[in-house]
Amino acid sequence: MVKKEKHIIQFAGLPIGKHDFVFELADSFFASFEHSEITKGKFVFHVGLQKQATMLVLHFQMKGKAILECDRCGDEMTLALEGDLNLIVRLGGEASEENDEIIVLPASANEIDVSTLMYEHMILSLPLRRTHPGKTGKNACNPEVIKKLEQISIQTASETDPRWKALKNIKLK
């Protein structure tokens, strides 16, 4: 993965206290991640950093729109996403992720790359089923694709695999 210089927060020279950062993400951001589920979109992240002596508290506020393929018809659709994320960054020790909310950086660290954290937050905010928002039923998707899907489902429902007929004759003791 390419290092994303624009999404690095230099915290070493900051005084103890609260600091705010704004990151605007566009299509080029998603292109830097291989096999990204989101390839197009515009997002704004407001990152609040509370610097303390031995740790950082990060608060991410995300708002934006992702352009994805509809799971039902395959057409492009726009999906609005927003959410908050809180993370604690402990300074000192060996670099690791203790759990989903705590990251450990070495005491010598003076910056943190937040690009992966923002990307993961967007991906985890995606719904499991991605269909055209605000619309329900057949009218939401491409009517030609829905018609083809209905034809295929009718054909497969009427055909029974002959292997299942043989299994019906088996009697359990």
Foldseek 3Di string as FASTA:
>chain_A
DDADVVQKDFAQPPDAAKDKDKDWDFQVLQVVDPPAQFRGWIKMWIWIWGDDDFKIKIKIWMWIWTWHAAPQQRDIEIDTFIDMDIAMEGEDDPFDAPDPRYTYDYNPDRMDRCSVVVSVVVVVRDDPHGFHPPDDDCVRHDVVSVVVVVVVVVVVVVDDDVVVVVVVPDDDD
